[in-house]
Amino acid sequence: MMSDPSLNSTGCSLHEPYALQVLGNEMEPEFPDRCILIIEPTDQCRHGHYVFAEVEGVRWFRQYVEDASGTARLVALNPLYPDIELAGLEWSVLGVIIQRNVRRKIKHYDYRETRQAS
């Protein structure tokens, strides 16, 4: 889960990148508890993207994975947490993670080389 008091805002700010803090260990070790994420607002994602998504009214930070047959799911990097199978669910992408900051060490995520989700 993440804390984000500004997601209900309106206007052009919805098109600007924003920061969220990770709360929990679901995406460890890549995204440890309390690290800061920069999210690029978009409704598009591709296989392998780290996404901020809404599934059935609940917001999740997960990795979007699509298998060869086109079956899509959201995956926690920590194996203690189950995948979220997306078939038959109402879901949308709110943004993709483009940067992570862990104790002032910054890592950027560039998705230009990944394939488009169907």
PDB file of N, CA and C in Angstrom:
ATOM      1  N   MET A   1       0.833  -1.175   0.000  1.00  0.00           N
ATOM      2  CA  MET A   1       0.000   0.000   0.000  1.00  0.00           C
ATOM      3  C   MET A   1       0.885   1.249   0.000  1.00  0.00           C
ATOM      4  N   MET A   2       0.292   2.367  -0.344  1.00  0.00           N
ATOM      5  CA  MET A   2       1.033   3.622  -0.389  1.00  0.00           C
ATOM      6  C   MET A   2       0.173   4.739   0.162  1.00  0.00           C
ATOM      7  N   SER A   3       0.830   5.742   0.704  1.00  0.00           N
ATOM      8  CA  SER A   3       0.105   6.919   1.155  1.00  0.00           C
ATOM      9  C   SER A   3       0.085   7.938   0.037  1.00  0.00           C
ATOM     10  N   ASP A   4      -1.098   8.509  -0.254  1.00  0.00           N
ATOM     11  CA  ASP A   4      -1.213   9.481  -1.327  1.00  0.00           C
ATOM     12  C   ASP A   4      -2.463  10.335  -1.140  1.00  0.00           C
ATOM     13  N   PRO A   5      -2.339  11.457  -0.443  1.00  0.00           N
ATOM     14  CA  PRO A   5      -3.502  12.300  -0.205  1.00  0.00           C
ATOM     15  C   PRO A   5      -3.956  13.081  -1.429  1.00  0.00           C
ATOM     16  N   SER A   6      -3.163  13.147  -2.499  1.00  0.00           N
ATOM     17  CA  SER A   6      -3.477  14.022  -3.625  1.00  0.00           C
ATOM     18  C   SER A   6      -4.157  13.336  -4.798  1.00  0.00           C
ATOM     19  N   LEU A   7      -4.429  12.048  -4.733  1.00  0.00           N
ATOM     20  CA  LEU A   7      -4.961  11.350  -5.894  1.00  0.00           C
ATOM     21  C   LEU A   7      -6.370  11.763  -6.271  1.00  0.00           C
ATOM     22  N   ASN A   8      -7.083  12.459  -5.419  1.00  0.00           N
ATOM     23  CA  ASN A   8      -8.433  12.881  -5.749  1.00  0.00           C
ATOM     24  C   ASN A   8      -8.476  14.285  -6.330  1.00  0.00           C
ATOM     25  N   SER A   9      -7.329  14.870  -6.638  1.00  0.00           N
ATOM     26  CA  SER A   9      -7.289  16.228  -7.174  1.00  0.00           C
ATOM     27  C   SER A   9      -7.706  16.236  -8.644  1.00  0.00           C
ATOM     28  N   THR A  10      -7.966  17.450  -9.160  1.00  0.00           N
ATOM     29  CA  THR A  10      -8.331  17.599 -10.562  1.00  0.00           C
ATOM     30  C   THR A  10      -7.424  18.628 -11.205  1.00  0.00           C
ATOM     31  N   GLY A  11      -7.499  18.749 -12.525  1.00  0.00           N
ATOM     32  CA  GLY A  11      -6.724  19.771 -13.225  1.00  0.00           C
ATOM     33  C   GLY A  11      -5.487  19.216 -13.879  1.00  0.00           C
ATOM     34  N   CYS A  12      -4.635  20.141 -14.348  1.00  0.00           N
ATOM     35  CA  CYS A  12      -3.462  19.732 -15.110  1.00  0.00           C
ATOM     36  C   CYS A  12      -2.447  18.982 -14.251  1.00  0.00           C
ATOM     37  N   SER A  13      -2.514  19.107 -12.932  1.00  0.00           N
ATOM     38  CA  SER A  13      -1.567  18.397 -12.078  1.00  0.00           C
ATOM     39  C   SER A  13      -1.688  16.887 -12.241  1.00  0.00           C
ATOM     40  N   LEU A  14      -2.818  16.402 -12.723  1.00  0.00           N
ATOM     41  CA  LEU A  14      -2.979  14.967 -12.939  1.00  0.00           C
ATOM     42  C   LEU A  14      -2.087  14.446 -14.056  1.00  0.00           C
ATOM     43  N   HIS A  15      -1.530  15.335 -14.870  1.00  0.00           N
ATOM     44  CA  HIS A  15      -0.681  14.925 -15.980  1.00  0.00           C
ATOM     45  C   HIS A  15       0.802  15.060 -15.648  1.00  0.00           C
ATOM     46  N   GLU A  16       1.123  15.486 -14.453  1.00  0.00           N
ATOM     47  CA  GLU A  16       2.507  15.659 -14.018  1.00  0.00           C
ATOM     48  C   GLU A  16       2.931  14.476 -13.155  1.00  0.00           C
ATOM     49  N   PRO A  17       4.218  14.079 -13.229  1.00  0.00           N
ATOM     50  CA  PRO A  17       4.708  13.026 -12.335  1.00  0.00           C
ATOM     51  C   PRO A  17       4.500  13.421 -10.874  1.00  0.00           C
ATOM     52  N   TYR A  18       4.289  12.422 -10.038  1.00  0.00           N
ATOM     53  CA  TYR A  18       4.086  12.667  -8.614  1.00  0.00           C
ATOM     54  C   TYR A  18       4.816  11.603  -7.807  1.00  0.00           C
ATOM     55  N   ALA A  19       5.015  11.884  -6.526  1.00  0.00           N
ATOM     56  CA  ALA A  19       5.753  10.988  -5.640  1.00  0.00           C
ATOM     57  C   ALA A  19       4.803  10.299  -4.668  1.00  0.00           C
ATOM     58  N   LEU A  20       5.123   9.058  -4.372  1.00  0.00           N
ATOM     59  CA  LEU A  20       4.433   8.287  -3.340  1.00  0.00           C
ATOM     60  C   LEU A  20       5.475   7.554  -2.517  1.00  0.00           C
ATOM     61  N   GLN A  21       5.130   7.255  -1.285  1.00  0.00           N
ATOM     62  CA  GLN A  21       6.014   6.471  -0.432  1.00  0.00           C
ATOM     63  C   GLN A  21       5.454   5.063  -0.303  1.00  0.00           C
ATOM     64  N   VAL A  22       6.318   4.074  -0.487  1.00  0.00           N
ATOM     65  CA  VAL A  22       5.921   2.677  -0.331  1.00  0.00           C
ATOM     66  C   VAL A  22       5.753   2.388   1.156  1.00  0.00           C
ATOM     67  N   LEU A  23       4.633   1.759   1.493  1.00  0.00           N
ATOM     68  CA  LEU A  23       4.371   1.336   2.864  1.00  0.00           C
ATOM     69  C   LEU A  23       4.139  -0.163   2.843  1.00  0.00           C
ATOM     70  N   GLY A  24       5.128  -0.922   3.267  1.00  0.00           N
ATOM     71  CA  GLY A  24       5.017  -2.374   3.276  1.00  0.00           C
ATOM     72  C   GLY A  24       6.127  -3.043   2.497  1.00  0.00           C
ATOM     73  N   ASN A  25       6.149  -4.379   2.573  1.00  0.00           N
ATOM     74  CA  ASN A  25       7.241  -5.154   1.973  1.00  0.00           C
ATOM     75  C   ASN A  25       6.819  -5.941   0.732  1.00  0.00           C
ATOM     76  N   GLU A  26       5.661  -5.641   0.160  1.00  0.00           N
ATOM     77  CA  GLU A  26       5.149  -6.413  -0.968  1.00  0.00           C
ATOM     78  C   GLU A  26       6.055  -6.388  -2.189  1.00  0.00           C
ATOM     79  N   MET A  27       6.802  -5.294  -2.384  1.00  0.00           N
ATOM     80  CA  MET A  27       7.632  -5.164  -3.580  1.00  0.00           C
ATOM     81  C   MET A  27       9.129  -5.229  -3.274  1.00  0.00           C
ATOM     82  N   GLU A  28       9.474  -5.759  -2.111  1.00  0.00           N
ATOM     83  CA  GLU A  28      10.887  -5.969  -1.782  1.00  0.00           C
ATOM     84  C   GLU A  28      11.408  -7.176  -2.542  1.00  0.00           C
ATOM     85  N   PRO A  29      12.678  -7.184  -2.894  1.00  0.00           N
ATOM     86  CA  PRO A  29      13.737  -6.282  -2.457  1.00  0.00           C
ATOM     87  C   PRO A  29      13.933  -5.045  -3.342  1.00  0.00           C
ATOM     88  N   GLU A  30      13.363  -5.015  -4.529  1.00  0.00           N
ATOM     89  CA  GLU A  30      13.582  -3.889  -5.444  1.00  0.00           C
ATOM     90  C   GLU A  30      13.074  -2.564  -4.880  1.00  0.00           C
ATOM     91  N   PHE A  31      11.945  -2.603  -4.192  1.00  0.00           N
ATOM     92  CA  PHE A  31      11.307  -1.400  -3.643  1.00  0.00           C
ATOM     93  C   PHE A  31      11.061  -1.606  -2.157  1.00  0.00           C
ATOM     94  N   PRO A  32      12.036  -1.287  -1.310  1.00  0.00           N
ATOM     95  CA  PRO A  32      11.877  -1.530   0.120  1.00  0.00           C
ATOM     96  C   PRO A  32      10.857  -0.596   0.780  1.00  0.00           C
ATOM     97  N   ASP A  33      10.360  -1.038   1.917  1.00  0.00           N
ATOM     98  CA  ASP A  33       9.444  -0.241   2.721  1.00  0.00           C
ATOM     99  C   ASP A  33      10.022   1.153   2.937  1.00  0.00           C
ATOM    100  N   ARG A  34       9.180   2.157   2.778  1.00  0.00           N
ATOM    101  CA  ARG A  34       9.505   3.562   2.987  1.00  0.00           C
ATOM    102  C   ARG A  34      10.278   4.211   1.841  1.00  0.00           C
ATOM    103  N   CYS A  35      10.588   3.481   0.771  1.00  0.00           N
ATOM    104  CA  CYS A  35      11.258   4.146  -0.352  1.00  0.00           C
ATOM    105  C   CYS A  35      10.257   5.064  -1.052  1.00  0.00           C
ATOM    106  N   ILE A  36      10.784   6.021  -1.799  1.00  0.00           N
ATOM    107  CA  ILE A  36       9.966   7.000  -2.512  1.00  0.00           C
ATOM    108  C   ILE A  36       9.942   6.631  -3.996  1.00  0.00           C
ATOM    109  N   LEU A  37       8.744   6.677  -4.591  1.00  0.00           N
ATOM    110  CA  LEU A  37       8.570   6.403  -6.007  1.00  0.00           C
ATOM    111  C   LEU A  37       8.157   7.671  -6.727  1.00  0.00           C
ATOM    112  N   ILE A  38       8.599   7.810  -7.970  1.00  0.00           N
ATOM    113  CA  ILE A  38       8.082   8.844  -8.854  1.00  0.00           C
ATOM    114  C   ILE A  38       7.239   8.119  -9.901  1.00  0.00           C
ATOM    115  N   ILE A  39       5.991   8.575 -10.045  1.00  0.00           N
ATOM    116  CA  ILE A  39       5.034   7.923 -10.936  1.00  0.00           C
ATOM    117  C   ILE A  39       4.670   8.864 -12.068  1.00  0.00           C
ATOM    118  N   GLU A  40       4.757   8.342 -13.279  1.00  0.00           N
ATOM    119  CA  GLU A  40       4.336   9.067 -14.480  1.00  0.00           C
ATOM    120  C   GLU A  40       2.884   8.692 -14.745  1.00  0.00           C
ATOM    121  N   PRO A  41       1.962   9.652 -14.668  1.00  0.00           N
ATOM    122  CA  PRO A  41       0.550   9.324 -14.915  1.00  0.00           C
ATOM    123  C   PRO A  41       0.341   8.828 -16.344  1.00  0.00           C
ATOM    124  N   THR A  42      -0.320   7.702 -16.488  1.00  0.00           N
ATOM    125  CA  THR A  42      -0.659   7.132 -17.789  1.00  0.00           C
ATOM    126  C   THR A  42      -1.701   6.055 -17.574  1.00  0.00           C
ATOM    127  N   ASP A  43      -2.446   5.747 -18.602  1.00  0.00           N
ATOM    128  CA  ASP A  43      -3.384   4.634 -18.512  1.00  0.00           C
ATOM    129  C   ASP A  43      -2.891   3.447 -19.333  1.00  0.00           C
ATOM    130  N   GLN A  44      -1.642   3.501 -19.784  1.00  0.00           N
ATOM    131  CA  GLN A  44      -1.033   2.442 -20.596  1.00  0.00           C
ATOM    132  C   GLN A  44       0.079   1.747 -19.820  1.00  0.00           C
ATOM    133  N   CYS A  45       0.196   0.436 -20.017  1.00  0.00           N
ATOM    134  CA  CYS A  45       1.340  -0.280 -19.446  1.00  0.00           C
ATOM    135  C   CYS A  45       1.730  -1.411 -20.382  1.00  0.00           C
ATOM    136  N   ARG A  46       2.897  -1.923 -20.156  1.00  0.00           N
ATOM    137  CA  ARG A  46       3.443  -3.016 -20.956  1.00  0.00           C
ATOM    138  C   ARG A  46       3.998  -4.078 -20.018  1.00  0.00           C
ATOM    139  N   HIS A  47       4.191  -5.246 -20.576  1.00  0.00           N
ATOM    140  CA  HIS A  47       4.778  -6.358 -19.822  1.00  0.00           C
ATOM    141  C   HIS A  47       6.067  -5.903 -19.126  1.00  0.00           C
ATOM    142  N   GLY A  48       6.156  -6.154 -17.844  1.00  0.00           N
ATOM    143  CA  GLY A  48       7.361  -5.824 -17.087  1.00  0.00           C
ATOM    144  C   GLY A  48       7.338  -4.475 -16.406  1.00  0.00           C
ATOM    145  N   HIS A  49       6.393  -3.610 -16.756  1.00  0.00           N
ATOM    146  CA  HIS A  49       6.320  -2.297 -16.098  1.00  0.00           C
ATOM    147  C   HIS A  49       5.947  -2.439 -14.637  1.00  0.00           C
ATOM    148  N   TYR A  50       6.526  -1.581 -13.826  1.00  0.00           N
ATOM    149  CA  TYR A  50       6.064  -1.422 -12.451  1.00  0.00           C
ATOM    150  C   TYR A  50       4.966  -0.382 -12.505  1.00  0.00           C
ATOM    151  N   VAL A  51       3.788  -0.732 -12.002  1.00  0.00           N
ATOM    152  CA  VAL A  51       2.623   0.125 -12.169  1.00  0.00           C
ATOM    153  C   VAL A  51       1.935   0.438 -10.850  1.00  0.00           C
ATOM    154  N   PHE A  52       1.230   1.560 -10.858  1.00  0.00           N
ATOM    155  CA  PHE A  52       0.294   1.922  -9.818  1.00  0.00           C
ATOM    156  C   PHE A  52      -1.059   1.736 -10.487  1.00  0.00           C
ATOM    157  N   ALA A  53      -1.847   0.784 -10.009  1.00  0.00           N
ATOM    158  CA  ALA A  53      -3.089   0.411 -10.682  1.00  0.00           C
ATOM    159  C   ALA A  53      -4.232   0.335  -9.686  1.00  0.00           C
ATOM    160  N   GLU A  54      -5.437   0.444 -10.235  1.00  0.00           N
ATOM    161  CA  GLU A  54      -6.634   0.274  -9.424  1.00  0.00           C
ATOM    162  C   GLU A  54      -7.377  -0.954  -9.921  1.00  0.00           C
ATOM    163  N   VAL A  55      -7.646  -1.885  -8.994  1.00  0.00           N
ATOM    164  CA  VAL A  55      -8.350  -3.115  -9.317  1.00  0.00           C
ATOM    165  C   VAL A  55      -9.566  -3.208  -8.406  1.00  0.00           C
ATOM    166  N   GLU A  56     -10.758  -3.188  -9.019  1.00  0.00           N
ATOM    167  CA  GLU A  56     -12.002  -3.299  -8.255  1.00  0.00           C
ATOM    168  C   GLU A  56     -12.052  -2.283  -7.113  1.00  0.00           C
ATOM    169  N   GLY A  57     -11.584  -1.054  -7.373  1.00  0.00           N
ATOM    170  CA  GLY A  57     -11.646   0.018  -6.396  1.00  0.00           C
ATOM    171  C   GLY A  57     -10.510   0.065  -5.388  1.00  0.00           C
ATOM    172  N   VAL A  58      -9.555  -0.853  -5.472  1.00  0.00           N
ATOM    173  CA  VAL A  58      -8.409  -0.886  -4.560  1.00  0.00           C
ATOM    174  C   VAL A  58      -7.153  -0.562  -5.354  1.00  0.00           C
ATOM    175  N   ARG A  59      -6.310   0.309  -4.816  1.00  0.00           N
ATOM    176  CA  ARG A  59      -5.074   0.707  -5.507  1.00  0.00           C
ATOM    177  C   ARG A  59      -3.900  -0.168  -5.071  1.00  0.00           C
ATOM    178  N   TRP A  60      -3.102  -0.557  -6.061  1.00  0.00           N
ATOM    179  CA  TRP A  60      -1.977  -1.472  -5.860  1.00  0.00           C
ATOM    180  C   TRP A  60      -0.729  -0.955  -6.559  1.00  0.00           C
ATOM    181  N   PHE A  61       0.424  -1.235  -5.959  1.00  0.00           N
ATOM    182  CA  PHE A  61       1.715  -1.041  -6.607  1.00  0.00           C
ATOM    183  C   PHE A  61       2.248  -2.447  -6.875  1.00  0.00           C
ATOM    184  N   ARG A  62       2.370  -2.797  -8.153  1.00  0.00           N
ATOM    185  CA  ARG A  62       2.797  -4.136  -8.543  1.00  0.00           C
ATOM    186  C   ARG A  62       3.512  -4.080  -9.892  1.00  0.00           C
ATOM    187  N   GLN A  63       4.027  -5.236 -10.306  1.00  0.00           N
ATOM    188  CA  GLN A  63       4.594  -5.369 -11.645  1.00  0.00           C
ATOM    189  C   GLN A  63       3.546  -6.000 -12.554  1.00  0.00           C
ATOM    190  N   TYR A  64       3.332  -5.366 -13.726  1.00  0.00           N
ATOM    191  CA  TYR A  64       2.387  -5.896 -14.702  1.00  0.00           C
ATOM    192  C   TYR A  64       3.090  -6.983 -15.503  1.00  0.00           C
ATOM    193  N   VAL A  65       2.481  -8.167 -15.550  1.00  0.00           N
ATOM    194  CA  VAL A  65       3.060  -9.300 -16.269  1.00  0.00           C
ATOM    195  C   VAL A  65       1.987  -9.877 -17.185  1.00  0.00           C
ATOM    196  N   GLU A  66       2.377 -10.129 -18.417  1.00  0.00           N
ATOM    197  CA  GLU A  66       1.477 -10.737 -19.401  1.00  0.00           C
ATOM    198  C   GLU A  66       2.183 -11.942 -19.988  1.00  0.00           C
ATOM    199  N   ASP A  67       1.540 -13.112 -19.944  1.00  0.00           N
ATOM    200  CA  ASP A  67       2.183 -14.310 -20.502  1.00  0.00           C
ATOM    201  C   ASP A  67       1.934 -14.413 -22.008  1.00  0.00           C
ATOM    202  N   ALA A  68       2.483 -15.438 -22.623  1.00  0.00           N
ATOM    203  CA  ALA A  68       2.409 -15.601 -24.080  1.00  0.00           C
ATOM    204  C   ALA A  68       0.973 -15.712 -24.593  1.00  0.00           C
ATOM    205  N   SER A  69       0.071 -16.188 -23.764  1.00  0.00           N
ATOM    206  CA  SER A  69      -1.328 -16.328 -24.183  1.00  0.00           C
ATOM    207  C   SER A  69      -2.128 -15.042 -23.984  1.00  0.00           C
ATOM    208  N   GLY A  70      -1.483 -14.001 -23.432  1.00  0.00           N
ATOM    209  CA  GLY A  70      -2.163 -12.727 -23.221  1.00  0.00           C
ATOM    210  C   GLY A  70      -2.820 -12.586 -21.867  1.00  0.00           C
ATOM    211  N   THR A  71      -2.661 -13.577 -20.992  1.00  0.00           N
ATOM    212  CA  THR A  71      -3.221 -13.499 -19.646  1.00  0.00           C
ATOM    213  C   THR A  71      -2.403 -12.517 -18.816  1.00  0.00           C
ATOM    214  N   ALA A  72      -3.088 -11.523 -18.248  1.00  0.00           N
ATOM    215  CA  ALA A  72      -2.397 -10.463 -17.505  1.00  0.00           C
ATOM    216  C   ALA A  72      -2.640 -10.607 -16.004  1.00  0.00           C
ATOM    217  N   ARG A  73      -1.617 -10.193 -15.238  1.00  0.00           N
ATOM    218  CA  ARG A  73      -1.735 -10.205 -13.779  1.00  0.00           C
ATOM    219  C   ARG A  73      -0.803  -9.159 -13.197  1.00  0.00           C
ATOM    220  N   LEU A  74      -1.082  -8.801 -11.963  1.00  0.00           N
ATOM    221  CA  LEU A  74      -0.208  -7.916 -11.202  1.00  0.00           C
ATOM    222  C   LEU A  74       0.539  -8.774 -10.198  1.00  0.00           C
ATOM    223  N   VAL A  75       1.858  -8.609 -10.164  1.00  0.00           N
ATOM    224  CA  VAL A  75       2.713  -9.487  -9.378  1.00  0.00           C
ATOM    225  C   VAL A  75       3.466  -8.688  -8.321  1.00  0.00           C
ATOM    226  N   ALA A  76       3.409  -9.174  -7.085  1.00  0.00           N
ATOM    227  CA  ALA A  76       4.257  -8.626  -6.015  1.00  0.00           C
ATOM    228  C   ALA A  76       5.625  -9.285  -6.148  1.00  0.00           C
ATOM    229  N   LEU A  77       6.692  -8.527  -5.970  1.00  0.00           N
ATOM    230  CA  LEU A  77       8.038  -9.099  -6.072  1.00  0.00           C
ATOM    231  C   LEU A  77       8.350  -9.995  -4.881  1.00  0.00           C
ATOM    232  N   ASN A  78       7.737  -9.727  -3.738  1.00  0.00           N
ATOM    233  CA  ASN A  78       7.897 -10.546  -2.551  1.00  0.00           C
ATOM    234  C   ASN A  78       6.997 -11.781  -2.713  1.00  0.00           C
ATOM    235  N   PRO A  79       7.575 -12.989  -2.750  1.00  0.00           N
ATOM    236  CA  PRO A  79       6.783 -14.193  -3.008  1.00  0.00           C
ATOM    237  C   PRO A  79       5.760 -14.525  -1.918  1.00  0.00           C
ATOM    238  N   LEU A  80       5.773 -13.821  -0.812  1.00  0.00           N
ATOM    239  CA  LEU A  80       4.782 -14.051   0.242  1.00  0.00           C
ATOM    240  C   LEU A  80       3.385 -13.576  -0.160  1.00  0.00           C
ATOM    241  N   TYR A  81       3.307 -12.752  -1.217  1.00  0.00           N
ATOM    242  CA  TYR A  81       2.032 -12.163  -1.620  1.00  0.00           C
ATOM    243  C   TYR A  81       1.565 -12.769  -2.939  1.00  0.00           C
ATOM    244  N   PRO A  82       0.264 -13.065  -3.046  1.00  0.00           N
ATOM    245  CA  PRO A  82      -0.248 -13.704  -4.263  1.00  0.00           C
ATOM    246  C   PRO A  82      -0.355 -12.728  -5.437  1.00  0.00           C
ATOM    247  N   ASP A  83      -0.347 -13.295  -6.643  1.00  0.00           N
ATOM    248  CA  ASP A  83      -0.596 -12.510  -7.848  1.00  0.00           C
ATOM    249  C   ASP A  83      -2.052 -12.079  -7.872  1.00  0.00           C
ATOM    250  N   ILE A  84      -2.321 -11.003  -8.598  1.00  0.00           N
ATOM    251  CA  ILE A  84      -3.686 -10.542  -8.819  1.00  0.00           C
ATOM    252  C   ILE A  84      -4.001 -10.820 -10.281  1.00  0.00           C
ATOM    253  N   GLU A  85      -4.783 -11.866 -10.546  1.00  0.00           N
ATOM    254  CA  GLU A  85      -5.195 -12.202 -11.906  1.00  0.00           C
ATOM    255  C   GLU A  85      -6.207 -11.156 -12.357  1.00  0.00           C
ATOM    256  N   LEU A  86      -6.008 -10.545 -13.519  1.00  0.00           N
ATOM    257  CA  LEU A  86      -6.836  -9.425 -13.960  1.00  0.00           C
ATOM    258  C   LEU A  86      -8.027  -9.829 -14.833  1.00  0.00           C
ATOM    259  N   ALA A  87      -8.040 -11.049 -15.340  1.00  0.00           N
ATOM    260  CA  ALA A  87      -9.137 -11.497 -16.213  1.00  0.00           C
ATOM    261  C   ALA A  87     -10.471 -11.384 -15.471  1.00  0.00           C
ATOM    262  N   GLY A  88     -11.417 -10.707 -16.103  1.00  0.00           N
ATOM    263  CA  GLY A  88     -12.754 -10.581 -15.540  1.00  0.00           C
ATOM    264  C   GLY A  88     -12.910  -9.512 -14.477  1.00  0.00           C
ATOM    265  N   LEU A  89     -11.839  -8.807 -14.144  1.00  0.00           N
ATOM    266  CA  LEU A  89     -11.909  -7.760 -13.125  1.00  0.00           C
ATOM    267  C   LEU A  89     -11.955  -6.382 -13.773  1.00  0.00           C
ATOM    268  N   GLU A  90     -12.533  -5.437 -13.059  1.00  0.00           N
ATOM    269  CA  GLU A  90     -12.492  -4.047 -13.498  1.00  0.00           C
ATOM    270  C   GLU A  90     -11.197  -3.449 -12.955  1.00  0.00           C
ATOM    271  N   TRP A  91     -10.325  -3.008 -13.867  1.00  0.00           N
ATOM    272  CA  TRP A  91      -9.034  -2.468 -13.429  1.00  0.00           C
ATOM    273  C   TRP A  91      -8.556  -1.415 -14.416  1.00  0.00           C
ATOM    274  N   SER A  92      -7.649  -0.566 -13.926  1.00  0.00           N
ATOM    275  CA  SER A  92      -7.042   0.453 -14.776  1.00  0.00           C
ATOM    276  C   SER A  92      -5.670   0.811 -14.237  1.00  0.00           C
ATOM    277  N   VAL A  93      -4.821   1.262 -15.137  1.00  0.00           N
ATOM    278  CA  VAL A  93      -3.493   1.739 -14.771  1.00  0.00           C
ATOM    279  C   VAL A  93      -3.611   3.224 -14.460  1.00  0.00           C
ATOM    280  N   LEU A  94      -3.040   3.640 -13.329  1.00  0.00           N
ATOM    281  CA  LEU A  94      -3.018   5.048 -12.940  1.00  0.00           C
ATOM    282  C   LEU A  94      -1.687   5.696 -13.284  1.00  0.00           C
ATOM    283  N   GLY A  95      -0.638   4.870 -13.413  1.00  0.00           N
ATOM    284  CA  GLY A  95       0.681   5.393 -13.751  1.00  0.00           C
ATOM    285  C   GLY A  95       1.730   4.306 -13.716  1.00  0.00           C
ATOM    286  N   VAL A  96       2.906   4.628 -14.260  1.00  0.00           N
ATOM    287  CA  VAL A  96       4.051   3.721 -14.217  1.00  0.00           C
ATOM    288  C   VAL A  96       5.156   4.357 -13.383  1.00  0.00           C
ATOM    289  N   ILE A  97       5.890   3.507 -12.695  1.00  0.00           N
ATOM    290  CA  ILE A  97       6.977   3.982 -11.840  1.00  0.00           C
ATOM    291  C   ILE A  97       8.171   4.287 -12.740  1.00  0.00           C
ATOM    292  N   ILE A  98       8.685   5.518 -12.635  1.00  0.00           N
ATOM    293  CA  ILE A  98       9.824   5.911 -13.468  1.00  0.00           C
ATOM    294  C   ILE A  98      11.094   6.144 -12.648  1.00  0.00           C
ATOM    295  N   GLN A  99      10.941   6.187 -11.313  1.00  0.00           N
ATOM    296  CA  GLN A  99      12.116   6.431 -10.477  1.00  0.00           C
ATOM    297  C   GLN A  99      11.863   5.920  -9.069  1.00  0.00           C
ATOM    298  N   ARG A 100      12.938   5.466  -8.422  1.00  0.00           N
ATOM    299  CA  ARG A 100      12.897   5.011  -7.034  1.00  0.00           C
ATOM    300  C   ARG A 100      14.014   5.717  -6.275  1.00  0.00           C
ATOM    301  N   ASN A 101      13.733   6.103  -5.041  1.00  0.00           N
ATOM    302  CA  ASN A 101      14.734   6.730  -4.188  1.00  0.00           C
ATOM    303  C   ASN A 101      14.778   5.965  -2.872  1.00  0.00           C
ATOM    304  N   VAL A 102      15.924   5.338  -2.603  1.00  0.00           N
ATOM    305  CA  VAL A 102      16.128   4.609  -1.349  1.00  0.00           C
ATOM    306  C   VAL A 102      17.315   5.253  -0.647  1.00  0.00           C
ATOM    307  N   ARG A 103      17.037   5.933   0.441  1.00  0.00           N
ATOM    308  CA  ARG A 103      18.086   6.611   1.208  1.00  0.00           C
ATOM    309  C   ARG A 103      19.017   7.415   0.302  1.00  0.00           C
ATOM    310  N   ARG A 104      18.405   8.261  -0.524  1.00  0.00           N
ATOM    311  CA  ARG A 104      19.092   9.175  -1.432  1.00  0.00           C
ATOM    312  C   ARG A 104      19.822   8.508  -2.591  1.00  0.00           C
ATOM    313  N   LYS A 105      19.620   7.214  -2.772  1.00  0.00           N
ATOM    314  CA  LYS A 105      20.166   6.521  -3.936  1.00  0.00           C
ATOM    315  C   LYS A 105      19.030   6.382  -4.938  1.00  0.00           C
ATOM    316  N   ILE A 106      19.201   7.008  -6.099  1.00  0.00           N
ATOM    317  CA  ILE A 106      18.139   7.085  -7.098  1.00  0.00           C
ATOM    318  C   ILE A 106      18.371   6.065  -8.207  1.00  0.00           C
ATOM    319  N   LYS A 107      17.295   5.392  -8.602  1.00  0.00           N
ATOM    320  CA  LYS A 107      17.327   4.476  -9.743  1.00  0.00           C
ATOM    321  C   LYS A 107      16.185   4.867 -10.670  1.00  0.00           C
ATOM    322  N   HIS A 108      16.500   4.952 -11.976  1.00  0.00           N
ATOM    323  CA  HIS A 108      15.493   5.291 -12.979  1.00  0.00           C
ATOM    324  C   HIS A 108      15.037   4.019 -13.690  1.00  0.00           C
ATOM    325  N   TYR A 109      13.774   3.995 -14.122  1.00  0.00           N
ATOM    326  CA  TYR A 109      13.207   2.869 -14.860  1.00  0.00           C
ATOM    327  C   TYR A 109      12.818   3.358 -16.246  1.00  0.00           C
ATOM    328  N   ASP A 110      13.392   2.723 -17.270  1.00  0.00           N
ATOM    329  CA  ASP A 110      13.162   3.103 -18.662  1.00  0.00           C
ATOM    330  C   ASP A 110      12.498   1.920 -19.359  1.00  0.00           C
ATOM    331  N   TYR A 111      11.288   2.107 -19.835  1.00  0.00           N
ATOM    332  CA  TYR A 111      10.492   1.034 -20.401  1.00  0.00           C
ATOM    333  C   TYR A 111      10.432   1.049 -21.923  1.00  0.00           C
ATOM    334  N   ARG A 112      11.230   1.832 -22.570  1.00  0.00           N
ATOM    335  CA  ARG A 112      11.139   1.973 -24.031  1.00  0.00           C
ATOM    336  C   ARG A 112      11.351   0.670 -24.782  1.00  0.00           C
ATOM    337  N   GLU A 113      12.052  -0.295 -24.228  1.00  0.00           N
ATOM    338  CA  GLU A 113      12.384  -1.516 -24.945  1.00  0.00           C
ATOM    339  C   GLU A 113      11.410  -2.669 -24.685  1.00  0.00           C
ATOM    340  N   THR A 114      10.376  -2.479 -23.848  1.00  0.00           N
ATOM    341  CA  THR A 114       9.463  -3.568 -23.540  1.00  0.00           C
ATOM    342  C   THR A 114       8.296  -3.589 -24.508  1.00  0.00           C
ATOM    343  N   ARG A 115       7.630  -4.744 -24.616  1.00  0.00           N
ATOM    344  CA  ARG A 115       6.544  -4.892 -25.593  1.00  0.00           C
ATOM    345  C   ARG A 115       5.222  -4.370 -25.042  1.00  0.00           C
ATOM    346  N   GLN A 116       4.350  -3.948 -25.929  1.00  0.00           N
ATOM    347  CA  GLN A 116       3.043  -3.361 -25.575  1.00  0.00           C
ATOM    348  C   GLN A 116       2.093  -4.438 -25.052  1.00  0.00           C
ATOM    349  N   ALA A 117       1.349  -4.132 -23.991  1.00  0.00           N
ATOM    350  CA  ALA A 117       0.310  -5.030 -23.487  1.00  0.00           C
ATOM    351  C   ALA A 117      -0.906  -4.940 -24.391  1.00  0.00           C
ATOM    352  N   SER A 118      -1.611  -6.050 -24.523  1.00  0.00           N
ATOM    353  CA  SER A 118      -2.819  -6.015 -25.350  1.00  0.00           C
ATOM    354  C   SER A 118      -4.049  -5.688 -24.550  1.00  0.00           C
TER     355      SER A 118
END
